[in-house]
Amino acid sequence: MASKLPSSESFSIEPAESPTDVQYAVSLALKEERNEAEYDFPIFKSLSPDRFFIAKLDGRNIGCLIVIMVNPNHAFFHSFIIEEGYRGRGYGTRLFEEALASLG
């Protein structure tokens, strides 16, 4: 079931294209006390450049998700994080759905 987001908000999912986007994902993982190391994210970006996603609300970053292709038939989702204040509102569901759709 697709999530229903408030119509007054501009939600988008964009590829992480800049070093600033990658740094955002690093800072979000650190804030959440995840075990990813800062040097992992550039490696993840190089492994799956088209599947490193940043969720944005009204132009502000609110989450990230990385899909790493192991081989053509296997992938894993890494660093699926929505900022605490935005959880429970359907943004994570939309981010997951977009990442899943990227697999074809």
C-alpha atoms as a PDB file:
ATOM      1  CA  MET A   1       0.000   0.000   0.000  1.00  0.00           C
ATOM      2  CA  ALA A   2       1.429   3.359  -1.007  1.00  0.00           C
ATOM      3  CA  SER A   3       1.806   5.882   1.761  1.00  0.00           C
ATOM      4  CA  LYS A   4      -0.153   9.126   1.769  1.00  0.00           C
ATOM      5  CA  LEU A   5       1.952  12.186   2.389  1.00  0.00           C
ATOM      6  CA  PRO A   6       0.620  15.601   3.339  1.00  0.00           C
ATOM      7  CA  SER A   7      -0.172  17.442   0.101  1.00  0.00           C
ATOM      8  CA  SER A   8       1.313  20.720   1.334  1.00  0.00           C
ATOM      9  CA  GLU A   9       4.808  19.257   1.504  1.00  0.00           C
ATOM     10  CA  SER A  10       7.211  18.832  -1.382  1.00  0.00           C
ATOM     11  CA  PHE A  11       8.790  15.401  -0.910  1.00  0.00           C
ATOM     12  CA  SER A  12      11.401  14.088  -3.328  1.00  0.00           C
ATOM     13  CA  ILE A  13      13.948  11.319  -3.584  1.00  0.00           C
ATOM     14  CA  GLU A  14      17.149  12.217  -5.367  1.00  0.00           C
ATOM     15  CA  PRO A  15      20.444  10.500  -6.070  1.00  0.00           C
ATOM     16  CA  ALA A  16      23.316  11.491  -3.821  1.00  0.00           C
ATOM     17  CA  GLU A  17      25.373  13.417  -6.344  1.00  0.00           C
ATOM     18  CA  SER A  18      27.666  15.633  -4.326  1.00  0.00           C
ATOM     19  CA  PRO A  19      30.186  15.130  -1.544  1.00  0.00           C
ATOM     20  CA  THR A  20      27.762  17.139   0.613  1.00  0.00           C
ATOM     21  CA  ASP A  21      25.091  14.463   0.089  1.00  0.00           C
ATOM     22  CA  VAL A  22      27.535  11.738   1.092  1.00  0.00           C
ATOM     23  CA  GLN A  23      28.594  13.750   4.155  1.00  0.00           C
ATOM     24  CA  TYR A  24      24.918  14.149   5.092  1.00  0.00           C
ATOM     25  CA  ALA A  25      24.514  10.358   5.082  1.00  0.00           C
ATOM     26  CA  VAL A  26      27.650  10.003   7.219  1.00  0.00           C
ATOM     27  CA  SER A  27      26.423  12.564   9.754  1.00  0.00           C
ATOM     28  CA  LEU A  28      22.979  10.936   9.893  1.00  0.00           C
ATOM     29  CA  ALA A  29      24.487   7.501  10.538  1.00  0.00           C
ATOM     30  CA  LEU A  30      26.734   8.921  13.257  1.00  0.00           C
ATOM     31  CA  LYS A  31      23.799  10.709  14.893  1.00  0.00           C
ATOM     32  CA  GLU A  32      21.903   7.410  14.927  1.00  0.00           C
ATOM     33  CA  GLU A  33      24.974   5.690  16.419  1.00  0.00           C
ATOM     34  CA  ARG A  34      25.221   3.277  13.497  1.00  0.00           C
ATOM     35  CA  ASN A  35      28.368   1.243  13.109  1.00  0.00           C
ATOM     36  CA  GLU A  36      29.190   2.508   9.610  1.00  0.00           C
ATOM     37  CA  ALA A  37      32.541   4.221   9.391  1.00  0.00           C
ATOM     38  CA  GLU A  38      32.923   7.562   7.691  1.00  0.00           C
ATOM     39  CA  TYR A  39      35.098   6.016   4.982  1.00  0.00           C
ATOM     40  CA  ASP A  40      32.405   3.420   4.129  1.00  0.00           C
ATOM     41  CA  PHE A  41      30.048   5.863   2.441  1.00  0.00           C
ATOM     42  CA  PRO A  42      32.324   6.942  -0.429  1.00  0.00           C
ATOM     43  CA  ILE A  43      32.944   3.235  -1.071  1.00  0.00           C
ATOM     44  CA  PHE A  44      29.193   2.553  -1.093  1.00  0.00           C
ATOM     45  CA  LYS A  45      28.742   5.470  -3.493  1.00  0.00           C
ATOM     46  CA  SER A  46      31.357   4.038  -5.844  1.00  0.00           C
ATOM     47  CA  LEU A  47      29.760   0.560  -5.723  1.00  0.00           C
ATOM     48  CA  SER A  48      26.243   1.805  -6.511  1.00  0.00           C
ATOM     49  CA  PRO A  49      26.464   5.372  -7.821  1.00  0.00           C
ATOM     50  CA  ASP A  50      22.874   5.396  -9.125  1.00  0.00           C
ATOM     51  CA  ARG A  51      21.368   3.814  -6.028  1.00  0.00           C
ATOM     52  CA  PHE A  52      22.527   6.081  -3.209  1.00  0.00           C
ATOM     53  CA  PHE A  53      19.333   7.967  -2.401  1.00  0.00           C
ATOM     54  CA  ILE A  54      18.646  11.098  -0.367  1.00  0.00           C
ATOM     55  CA  ALA A  55      15.072  11.847   0.777  1.00  0.00           C
ATOM     56  CA  LYS A  56      14.196  15.547   0.792  1.00  0.00           C
ATOM     57  CA  LEU A  57      11.276  17.469   2.203  1.00  0.00           C
ATOM     58  CA  ASP A  58      10.824  21.026   1.001  1.00  0.00           C
ATOM     59  CA  GLY A  59      14.464  20.922  -0.178  1.00  0.00           C
ATOM     60  CA  ARG A  60      15.831  19.735   3.195  1.00  0.00           C
ATOM     61  CA  ASN A  61      17.548  16.355   3.541  1.00  0.00           C
ATOM     62  CA  ILE A  62      15.572  14.068   5.848  1.00  0.00           C
ATOM     63  CA  GLY A  63      16.888  10.583   5.109  1.00  0.00           C
ATOM     64  CA  CYS A  64      19.035   8.242   3.066  1.00  0.00           C
ATOM     65  CA  LEU A  65      19.175   4.722   1.732  1.00  0.00           C
ATOM     66  CA  ILE A  66      21.856   2.922  -0.253  1.00  0.00           C
ATOM     67  CA  VAL A  67      21.206  -0.123  -2.455  1.00  0.00           C
ATOM     68  CA  ILE A  68      24.380  -2.085  -3.061  1.00  0.00           C
ATOM     69  CA  MET A  69      24.334  -4.582  -5.906  1.00  0.00           C
ATOM     70  CA  VAL A  70      26.240  -7.719  -4.950  1.00  0.00           C
ATOM     71  CA  ASN A  71      25.639  -9.271  -8.353  1.00  0.00           C
ATOM     72  CA  PRO A  72      22.847  -8.978 -10.964  1.00  0.00           C
ATOM     73  CA  ASN A  73      20.515 -11.099  -8.822  1.00  0.00           C
ATOM     74  CA  HIS A  74      21.383  -9.920  -5.314  1.00  0.00           C
ATOM     75  CA  ALA A  75      21.333  -6.555  -3.619  1.00  0.00           C
ATOM     76  CA  PHE A  76      21.208  -5.328  -0.067  1.00  0.00           C
ATOM     77  CA  PHE A  77      19.801  -2.179   1.452  1.00  0.00           C
ATOM     78  CA  HIS A  78      22.189  -0.264   3.650  1.00  0.00           C
ATOM     79  CA  SER A  79      21.920   2.813   5.845  1.00  0.00           C
ATOM     80  CA  PHE A  80      18.149   3.122   5.595  1.00  0.00           C
ATOM     81  CA  ILE A  81      17.626   6.092   7.915  1.00  0.00           C
ATOM     82  CA  ILE A  82      14.902   8.718   8.232  1.00  0.00           C
ATOM     83  CA  GLU A  83      15.573  11.536  10.680  1.00  0.00           C
ATOM     84  CA  GLU A  84      13.727  11.046  13.945  1.00  0.00           C
ATOM     85  CA  GLY A  85      11.345  13.985  13.583  1.00  0.00           C
ATOM     86  CA  TYR A  86      10.092  12.698  10.221  1.00  0.00           C
ATOM     87  CA  ARG A  87       9.440   9.062  11.103  1.00  0.00           C
ATOM     88  CA  GLY A  88       5.969   7.554  11.027  1.00  0.00           C
ATOM     89  CA  ARG A  89       4.753   9.861   8.261  1.00  0.00           C
ATOM     90  CA  GLY A  90       5.338   7.663   5.213  1.00  0.00           C
ATOM     91  CA  TYR A  91       8.654   9.115   4.055  1.00  0.00           C
ATOM     92  CA  GLY A  92      10.603   5.947   4.793  1.00  0.00           C
ATOM     93  CA  THR A  93       8.031   3.855   2.946  1.00  0.00           C
ATOM     94  CA  ARG A  94       8.332   6.086  -0.103  1.00  0.00           C
ATOM     95  CA  LEU A  95      12.127   5.960   0.062  1.00  0.00           C
ATOM     96  CA  PHE A  96      12.077   2.167   0.318  1.00  0.00           C
ATOM     97  CA  GLU A  97       9.604   1.875  -2.585  1.00  0.00           C
ATOM     98  CA  GLU A  98      11.777   4.087  -4.800  1.00  0.00           C
ATOM     99  CA  ALA A  99      14.898   2.107  -3.953  1.00  0.00           C
ATOM    100  CA  LEU A 100      13.102  -1.164  -4.634  1.00  0.00           C
ATOM    101  CA  ALA A 101      11.822   0.150  -7.974  1.00  0.00           C
ATOM    102  CA  SER A 102      15.412   1.033  -8.957  1.00  0.00           C
ATOM    103  CA  LEU A 103      16.148  -2.674  -9.077  1.00  0.00           C
ATOM    104  CA  GLY A 104      13.771  -3.148 -11.994  1.00  0.00           C
END
